[in-house]
């Protein structure tokens, strides 16, 4: 999710990706994968935008991984997260840009 009017951000615009994980006892916990708040747009008035790109079994082990997409101005990237039993851990990332 993100809140911004256009490609250029305004003060307090934000972007956030989080997952909700069910526990064996029925509890649910939240884990933040990416977060960004534009505190001062005076230096460079744009925000990081994060979204979910895919949820799929990318490595064939029978457990789903999560891929997140990021973009900032003229840059873009992708990160892959795998379940390590307690949480999602980033296992790879890459990107390109100016």
C-alpha atoms as a PDB file:
ATOM      1  CA  UNK A   1       0.000   0.000   0.000  1.00  0.00           C
ATOM      2  CA  UNK A   2       1.089   3.544  -0.479  1.00  0.00           C
ATOM      3  CA  UNK A   3      -0.341   7.010  -0.164  1.00  0.00           C
ATOM      4  CA  UNK A   4       0.797   9.629  -2.606  1.00  0.00           C
ATOM      5  CA  UNK A   5      -0.963  11.882  -5.093  1.00  0.00           C
ATOM      6  CA  UNK A   6       1.423  11.360  -8.010  1.00  0.00           C
ATOM      7  CA  UNK A   7       5.028  10.471  -8.807  1.00  0.00           C
ATOM      8  CA  UNK A   8       6.224  13.325  -6.610  1.00  0.00           C
ATOM      9  CA  UNK A   9       5.586  12.871  -2.933  1.00  0.00           C
ATOM     10  CA  UNK A  10       4.271  15.239  -0.333  1.00  0.00           C
ATOM     11  CA  UNK A  11       5.362  15.394   3.277  1.00  0.00           C
ATOM     12  CA  UNK A  12       4.147  12.333   5.255  1.00  0.00           C
ATOM     13  CA  UNK A  13       3.428  10.259   2.135  1.00  0.00           C
ATOM     14  CA  UNK A  14       4.178   6.626   2.881  1.00  0.00           C
ATOM     15  CA  UNK A  15       4.604   3.148   1.446  1.00  0.00           C
ATOM     16  CA  UNK A  16       4.282  -0.141   3.352  1.00  0.00           C
ATOM     17  CA  UNK A  17       4.282  -3.890   2.665  1.00  0.00           C
ATOM     18  CA  UNK A  18       3.494  -6.251   5.510  1.00  0.00           C
ATOM     19  CA  UNK A  19       2.337  -9.836   5.916  1.00  0.00           C
ATOM     20  CA  UNK A  20       0.014 -11.404   8.459  1.00  0.00           C
ATOM     21  CA  UNK A  21       1.240 -14.774   9.718  1.00  0.00           C
ATOM     22  CA  UNK A  22      -1.102 -17.255  11.389  1.00  0.00           C
ATOM     23  CA  UNK A  23       0.405 -19.097  14.359  1.00  0.00           C
ATOM     24  CA  UNK A  24      -0.267 -22.723  15.346  1.00  0.00           C
ATOM     25  CA  UNK A  25      -2.249 -21.501  18.368  1.00  0.00           C
ATOM     26  CA  UNK A  26      -4.603 -19.414  16.199  1.00  0.00           C
ATOM     27  CA  UNK A  27      -2.829 -16.116  16.879  1.00  0.00           C
ATOM     28  CA  UNK A  28      -1.904 -13.754  14.042  1.00  0.00           C
ATOM     29  CA  UNK A  29       1.264 -11.674  13.937  1.00  0.00           C
ATOM     30  CA  UNK A  30       2.261  -8.903  11.530  1.00  0.00           C
ATOM     31  CA  UNK A  31       5.688  -8.581   9.922  1.00  0.00           C
ATOM     32  CA  UNK A  32       6.722  -5.456   8.025  1.00  0.00           C
ATOM     33  CA  UNK A  33       8.772  -6.249   4.908  1.00  0.00           C
ATOM     34  CA  UNK A  34       9.216  -2.685   3.594  1.00  0.00           C
ATOM     35  CA  UNK A  35       8.312   0.727   4.961  1.00  0.00           C
ATOM     36  CA  UNK A  36       9.096   4.283   3.965  1.00  0.00           C
ATOM     37  CA  UNK A  37       7.780   7.673   5.040  1.00  0.00           C
ATOM     38  CA  UNK A  38       8.717  10.849   3.190  1.00  0.00           C
ATOM     39  CA  UNK A  39       9.587  13.112   6.095  1.00  0.00           C
ATOM     40  CA  UNK A  40      10.866  16.111   4.150  1.00  0.00           C
ATOM     41  CA  UNK A  41      10.151  16.457   0.423  1.00  0.00           C
ATOM     42  CA  UNK A  42      12.514  19.413   0.086  1.00  0.00           C
ATOM     43  CA  UNK A  43      15.624  17.368  -0.794  1.00  0.00           C
ATOM     44  CA  UNK A  44      14.094  15.041  -3.380  1.00  0.00           C
ATOM     45  CA  UNK A  45      10.295  15.027  -3.469  1.00  0.00           C
ATOM     46  CA  UNK A  46       9.502  11.427  -4.377  1.00  0.00           C
ATOM     47  CA  UNK A  47       8.812   8.310  -2.338  1.00  0.00           C
ATOM     48  CA  UNK A  48       9.809   4.673  -2.448  1.00  0.00           C
ATOM     49  CA  UNK A  49       6.803   2.637  -3.574  1.00  0.00           C
ATOM     50  CA  UNK A  50       6.583  -1.003  -2.496  1.00  0.00           C
ATOM     51  CA  UNK A  51       4.062  -3.596  -3.711  1.00  0.00           C
ATOM     52  CA  UNK A  52       3.629  -7.374  -3.731  1.00  0.00           C
ATOM     53  CA  UNK A  53       4.798  -8.736  -7.093  1.00  0.00           C
ATOM     54  CA  UNK A  54       3.956 -12.429  -6.544  1.00  0.00           C
ATOM     55  CA  UNK A  55       3.270 -15.161  -4.026  1.00  0.00           C
ATOM     56  CA  UNK A  56       4.467 -18.458  -5.496  1.00  0.00           C
ATOM     57  CA  UNK A  57       6.628 -21.514  -4.850  1.00  0.00           C
ATOM     58  CA  UNK A  58       9.650 -20.079  -6.648  1.00  0.00           C
ATOM     59  CA  UNK A  59      12.214 -22.700  -5.607  1.00  0.00           C
ATOM     60  CA  UNK A  60      10.031 -25.822  -5.846  1.00  0.00           C
ATOM     61  CA  UNK A  61      10.200 -26.791  -2.160  1.00  0.00           C
ATOM     62  CA  UNK A  62       6.428 -26.817  -1.643  1.00  0.00           C
ATOM     63  CA  UNK A  63       6.456 -23.597   0.421  1.00  0.00           C
ATOM     64  CA  UNK A  64       5.328 -20.277  -1.017  1.00  0.00           C
ATOM     65  CA  UNK A  65       7.781 -17.373  -1.302  1.00  0.00           C
ATOM     66  CA  UNK A  66       6.860 -13.695  -1.558  1.00  0.00           C
ATOM     67  CA  UNK A  67       8.318 -11.338  -4.169  1.00  0.00           C
ATOM     68  CA  UNK A  68       8.094  -7.596  -3.525  1.00  0.00           C
ATOM     69  CA  UNK A  69       8.582  -4.845  -6.086  1.00  0.00           C
ATOM     70  CA  UNK A  70      10.070  -1.440  -5.342  1.00  0.00           C
ATOM     71  CA  UNK A  71      10.281   1.722  -7.400  1.00  0.00           C
ATOM     72  CA  UNK A  72      11.869   5.098  -6.775  1.00  0.00           C
ATOM     73  CA  UNK A  73      12.027   7.841  -9.375  1.00  0.00           C
ATOM     74  CA  UNK A  74      13.844   6.141 -12.309  1.00  0.00           C
ATOM     75  CA  UNK A  75      14.809   2.985 -10.411  1.00  0.00           C
ATOM     76  CA  UNK A  76      13.117  -0.365  -9.816  1.00  0.00           C
ATOM     77  CA  UNK A  77      13.878  -3.556  -7.948  1.00  0.00           C
ATOM     78  CA  UNK A  78      12.597  -6.924  -6.826  1.00  0.00           C
ATOM     79  CA  UNK A  79      13.192  -8.796  -3.550  1.00  0.00           C
ATOM     80  CA  UNK A  80      12.334 -12.415  -2.725  1.00  0.00           C
ATOM     81  CA  UNK A  81      11.354 -13.472   0.791  1.00  0.00           C
ATOM     82  CA  UNK A  82      11.282 -17.062   2.105  1.00  0.00           C
ATOM     83  CA  UNK A  83       9.741 -18.520   5.265  1.00  0.00           C
ATOM     84  CA  UNK A  84      12.455 -19.541   7.736  1.00  0.00           C
ATOM     85  CA  UNK A  85       9.950 -20.978  10.230  1.00  0.00           C
ATOM     86  CA  UNK A  86       9.475 -17.859  12.362  1.00  0.00           C
ATOM     87  CA  UNK A  87       9.312 -15.095   9.807  1.00  0.00           C
ATOM     88  CA  UNK A  88       9.992 -14.171   6.188  1.00  0.00           C
ATOM     89  CA  UNK A  89      13.660 -13.481   5.451  1.00  0.00           C
ATOM     90  CA  UNK A  90      14.973 -11.779   2.320  1.00  0.00           C
ATOM     91  CA  UNK A  91      16.893 -14.382   0.296  1.00  0.00           C
ATOM     92  CA  UNK A  92      17.661 -12.300  -2.782  1.00  0.00           C
ATOM     93  CA  UNK A  93      17.212  -8.875  -4.295  1.00  0.00           C
ATOM     94  CA  UNK A  94      18.225  -6.919  -7.348  1.00  0.00           C
ATOM     95  CA  UNK A  95      17.394  -3.812  -9.286  1.00  0.00           C
ATOM     96  CA  UNK A  96      18.523  -1.164 -11.685  1.00  0.00           C
ATOM     97  CA  UNK A  97      18.169   2.528 -12.160  1.00  0.00           C
ATOM     98  CA  UNK A  98      19.754   5.885 -12.584  1.00  0.00           C
END
